[in-house]
Amino acid sequence: MANDFNAVGRRKSAVARVRLVPGEGKILINKRDIDNYFGLETLKMTVRQPLNLVKVGGRPVQGEPRAPR
């Protein structure tokens, strides 16, 4: 638990909660894989963009588009 990082992003009335945990580098959104949650590659890129700056164990972890930025 000491290696977990939590953050909240807000935009208008939307709220995104992000939890970064050590692991395999999977990105899960509402318990679904990023590929099943977002169909467009541009949305997936938007999710991964802030995670490329913050790498845990050398791999990107979890997010929701634009809220963590």
N, C-alpha and C. Protein backbone atom coordinates (compact mmCIF):
# COMPACT_ATOMS: atom_id res chain seq x y z
N MET A 1 0.81 -1.20 0.00
CA MET A 1 0.00 0.00 0.00
C MET A 1 0.85 1.27 0.00
N ALA A 2 2.07 1.20 0.48
CA ALA A 2 2.91 2.39 0.54
C ALA A 2 3.33 2.85 -0.85
N ASN A 3 3.28 1.95 -1.86
CA ASN A 3 3.67 2.30 -3.22
C ASN A 3 2.48 2.75 -4.07
N ASP A 4 1.28 2.79 -3.52
CA ASP A 4 0.09 3.23 -4.26
C ASP A 4 0.03 4.75 -4.29
N PHE A 5 -0.43 5.30 -5.42
CA PHE A 5 -0.63 6.74 -5.56
C PHE A 5 -2.05 6.99 -6.00
N ASN A 6 -2.74 7.90 -5.32
CA ASN A 6 -4.12 8.24 -5.64
C ASN A 6 -4.20 9.70 -6.06
N ALA A 7 -5.10 10.00 -7.01
CA ALA A 7 -5.31 11.37 -7.45
C ALA A 7 -6.75 11.52 -7.92
N VAL A 8 -7.24 12.76 -7.90
CA VAL A 8 -8.58 13.07 -8.37
C VAL A 8 -8.47 14.19 -9.39
N GLY A 9 -9.15 14.00 -10.53
CA GLY A 9 -9.21 15.04 -11.55
C GLY A 9 -10.65 15.46 -11.76
N ARG A 10 -10.89 16.76 -11.88
CA ARG A 10 -12.24 17.26 -12.07
C ARG A 10 -12.30 18.17 -13.28
N ARG A 11 -13.39 18.05 -14.04
CA ARG A 11 -13.64 18.93 -15.17
C ARG A 11 -15.14 19.09 -15.28
N LYS A 12 -15.59 20.32 -15.13
CA LYS A 12 -17.03 20.64 -15.08
C LYS A 12 -17.66 19.78 -13.99
N SER A 13 -18.61 18.91 -14.31
CA SER A 13 -19.23 18.10 -13.26
C SER A 13 -18.68 16.67 -13.22
N ALA A 14 -17.69 16.36 -14.09
CA ALA A 14 -17.10 15.02 -14.12
C ALA A 14 -15.98 14.89 -13.10
N VAL A 15 -15.87 13.72 -12.51
CA VAL A 15 -14.80 13.44 -11.55
C VAL A 15 -14.14 12.13 -11.95
N ALA A 16 -12.82 12.14 -12.03
CA ALA A 16 -12.05 10.92 -12.34
C ALA A 16 -11.12 10.64 -11.18
N ARG A 17 -11.18 9.44 -10.66
CA ARG A 17 -10.27 9.01 -9.61
C ARG A 17 -9.26 8.06 -10.22
N VAL A 18 -7.99 8.30 -9.93
CA VAL A 18 -6.91 7.51 -10.50
C VAL A 18 -6.12 6.87 -9.38
N ARG A 19 -5.81 5.59 -9.56
CA ARG A 19 -4.99 4.89 -8.58
C ARG A 19 -3.87 4.19 -9.33
N LEU A 20 -2.64 4.54 -8.99
CA LEU A 20 -1.47 3.91 -9.59
C LEU A 20 -0.91 2.89 -8.60
N VAL A 21 -0.78 1.66 -9.06
CA VAL A 21 -0.26 0.60 -8.21
C VAL A 21 0.82 -0.16 -8.96
N PRO A 22 1.79 -0.72 -8.25
CA PRO A 22 2.80 -1.54 -8.92
C PRO A 22 2.12 -2.76 -9.55
N GLY A 23 2.58 -3.11 -10.74
CA GLY A 23 1.96 -4.27 -11.40
C GLY A 23 2.52 -4.48 -12.78
N GLU A 24 1.67 -5.00 -13.66
CA GLU A 24 2.07 -5.39 -15.00
C GLU A 24 2.00 -4.25 -16.02
N GLY A 25 1.50 -3.09 -15.64
CA GLY A 25 1.38 -1.98 -16.57
C GLY A 25 0.06 -1.93 -17.30
N LYS A 26 -0.93 -2.68 -16.84
CA LYS A 26 -2.26 -2.68 -17.47
C LYS A 26 -2.97 -1.39 -17.12
N ILE A 27 -3.74 -0.87 -18.07
CA ILE A 27 -4.56 0.31 -17.81
C ILE A 27 -6.01 -0.16 -17.75
N LEU A 28 -6.62 -0.02 -16.58
CA LEU A 28 -8.01 -0.42 -16.38
C LEU A 28 -8.85 0.80 -16.09
N ILE A 29 -10.01 0.87 -16.73
CA ILE A 29 -10.95 1.97 -16.52
C ILE A 29 -12.29 1.33 -16.20
N ASN A 30 -12.82 1.61 -15.03
CA ASN A 30 -14.07 0.99 -14.58
C ASN A 30 -14.01 -0.53 -14.72
N LYS A 31 -12.89 -1.12 -14.32
CA LYS A 31 -12.64 -2.56 -14.33
C LYS A 31 -12.60 -3.16 -15.74
N ARG A 32 -12.44 -2.31 -16.76
CA ARG A 32 -12.34 -2.78 -18.15
C ARG A 32 -11.00 -2.35 -18.73
N ASP A 33 -10.46 -3.18 -19.60
CA ASP A 33 -9.20 -2.87 -20.27
C ASP A 33 -9.38 -1.63 -21.15
N ILE A 34 -8.31 -0.86 -21.31
CA ILE A 34 -8.39 0.39 -22.09
C ILE A 34 -8.87 0.14 -23.52
N ASP A 35 -8.49 -1.00 -24.11
CA ASP A 35 -8.90 -1.31 -25.48
C ASP A 35 -10.39 -1.56 -25.59
N ASN A 36 -11.00 -2.10 -24.55
CA ASN A 36 -12.45 -2.33 -24.54
C ASN A 36 -13.23 -1.08 -24.15
N TYR A 37 -12.60 -0.19 -23.40
CA TYR A 37 -13.30 1.01 -22.92
C TYR A 37 -13.31 2.11 -23.97
N PHE A 38 -12.15 2.36 -24.61
CA PHE A 38 -12.04 3.39 -25.63
C PHE A 38 -11.79 2.73 -26.98
N GLY A 39 -12.58 3.07 -27.99
CA GLY A 39 -12.40 2.51 -29.32
C GLY A 39 -11.39 3.28 -30.15
N LEU A 40 -11.31 4.59 -29.96
CA LEU A 40 -10.43 5.42 -30.77
C LEU A 40 -9.02 5.47 -30.20
N GLU A 41 -8.04 5.36 -31.09
CA GLU A 41 -6.64 5.42 -30.67
C GLU A 41 -6.29 6.78 -30.08
N THR A 42 -6.93 7.85 -30.55
CA THR A 42 -6.63 9.18 -30.02
C THR A 42 -7.03 9.29 -28.54
N LEU A 43 -8.12 8.64 -28.16
CA LEU A 43 -8.53 8.66 -26.75
C LEU A 43 -7.56 7.85 -25.89
N LYS A 44 -7.10 6.72 -26.42
CA LYS A 44 -6.11 5.91 -25.70
C LYS A 44 -4.81 6.68 -25.53
N MET A 45 -4.42 7.42 -26.56
CA MET A 45 -3.21 8.22 -26.49
C MET A 45 -3.36 9.33 -25.44
N THR A 46 -4.56 9.92 -25.34
CA THR A 46 -4.83 10.96 -24.35
C THR A 46 -4.69 10.40 -22.93
N VAL A 47 -5.12 9.16 -22.74
CA VAL A 47 -5.00 8.53 -21.42
C VAL A 47 -3.54 8.26 -21.09
N ARG A 48 -2.79 7.76 -22.05
CA ARG A 48 -1.40 7.38 -21.81
C ARG A 48 -0.44 8.56 -21.70
N GLN A 49 -0.81 9.69 -22.27
CA GLN A 49 0.10 10.84 -22.32
C GLN A 49 0.63 11.26 -20.94
N PRO A 50 -0.21 11.51 -19.94
CA PRO A 50 0.35 11.90 -18.65
C PRO A 50 1.09 10.76 -17.95
N LEU A 51 0.76 9.52 -18.28
CA LEU A 51 1.42 8.38 -17.66
C LEU A 51 2.82 8.15 -18.21
N ASN A 52 3.10 8.65 -19.41
CA ASN A 52 4.44 8.54 -19.95
C ASN A 52 5.43 9.39 -19.16
N LEU A 53 4.94 10.44 -18.51
CA LEU A 53 5.80 11.28 -17.69
C LEU A 53 6.03 10.65 -16.32
N VAL A 54 5.02 9.93 -15.83
CA VAL A 54 5.10 9.28 -14.52
C VAL A 54 5.09 7.78 -14.75
N LYS A 55 6.26 7.18 -14.73
CA LYS A 55 6.34 5.74 -14.95
C LYS A 55 6.63 5.05 -13.63
N VAL A 56 5.85 4.03 -13.33
CA VAL A 56 6.03 3.25 -12.11
C VAL A 56 6.63 1.92 -12.53
N GLY A 57 7.82 1.65 -12.10
CA GLY A 57 8.49 0.42 -12.47
C GLY A 57 8.81 0.36 -13.96
N GLY A 58 8.91 1.54 -14.61
CA GLY A 58 9.25 1.58 -16.02
C GLY A 58 8.07 1.43 -16.96
N ARG A 59 6.84 1.32 -16.42
CA ARG A 59 5.67 1.10 -17.27
C ARG A 59 4.55 2.07 -16.90
N PRO A 60 3.76 2.54 -17.88
CA PRO A 60 2.56 3.32 -17.57
C PRO A 60 1.53 2.46 -16.86
N VAL A 61 0.64 3.08 -16.06
CA VAL A 61 -0.30 2.29 -15.28
C VAL A 61 -1.77 2.60 -15.57
N GLN A 62 -2.49 3.49 -14.86
CA GLN A 62 -3.95 3.65 -15.00
C GLN A 62 -4.37 5.10 -15.21
N GLY A 63 -5.60 5.37 -15.79
CA GLY A 63 -6.07 6.72 -15.98
C GLY A 63 -7.46 6.90 -16.55
N GLU A 64 -7.86 8.16 -16.85
CA GLU A 64 -9.12 8.54 -17.49
C GLU A 64 -8.77 9.78 -18.32
N PRO A 65 -9.23 9.91 -19.55
CA PRO A 65 -8.73 10.98 -20.42
C PRO A 65 -8.92 12.38 -19.87
N ARG A 66 -7.95 13.19 -20.01
CA ARG A 66 -7.89 14.62 -19.70
C ARG A 66 -8.01 14.97 -18.22
N ALA A 67 -8.67 14.19 -17.41
CA ALA A 67 -8.83 14.53 -15.99
C ALA A 67 -7.50 14.57 -15.24
N PRO A 68 -6.58 13.61 -15.44
CA PRO A 68 -5.32 13.67 -14.68
C PRO A 68 -4.38 14.78 -15.13
N ARG A 69 -4.60 15.32 -16.33
CA ARG A 69 -3.72 16.35 -16.86
C ARG A 69 -3.98 17.60 -16.17
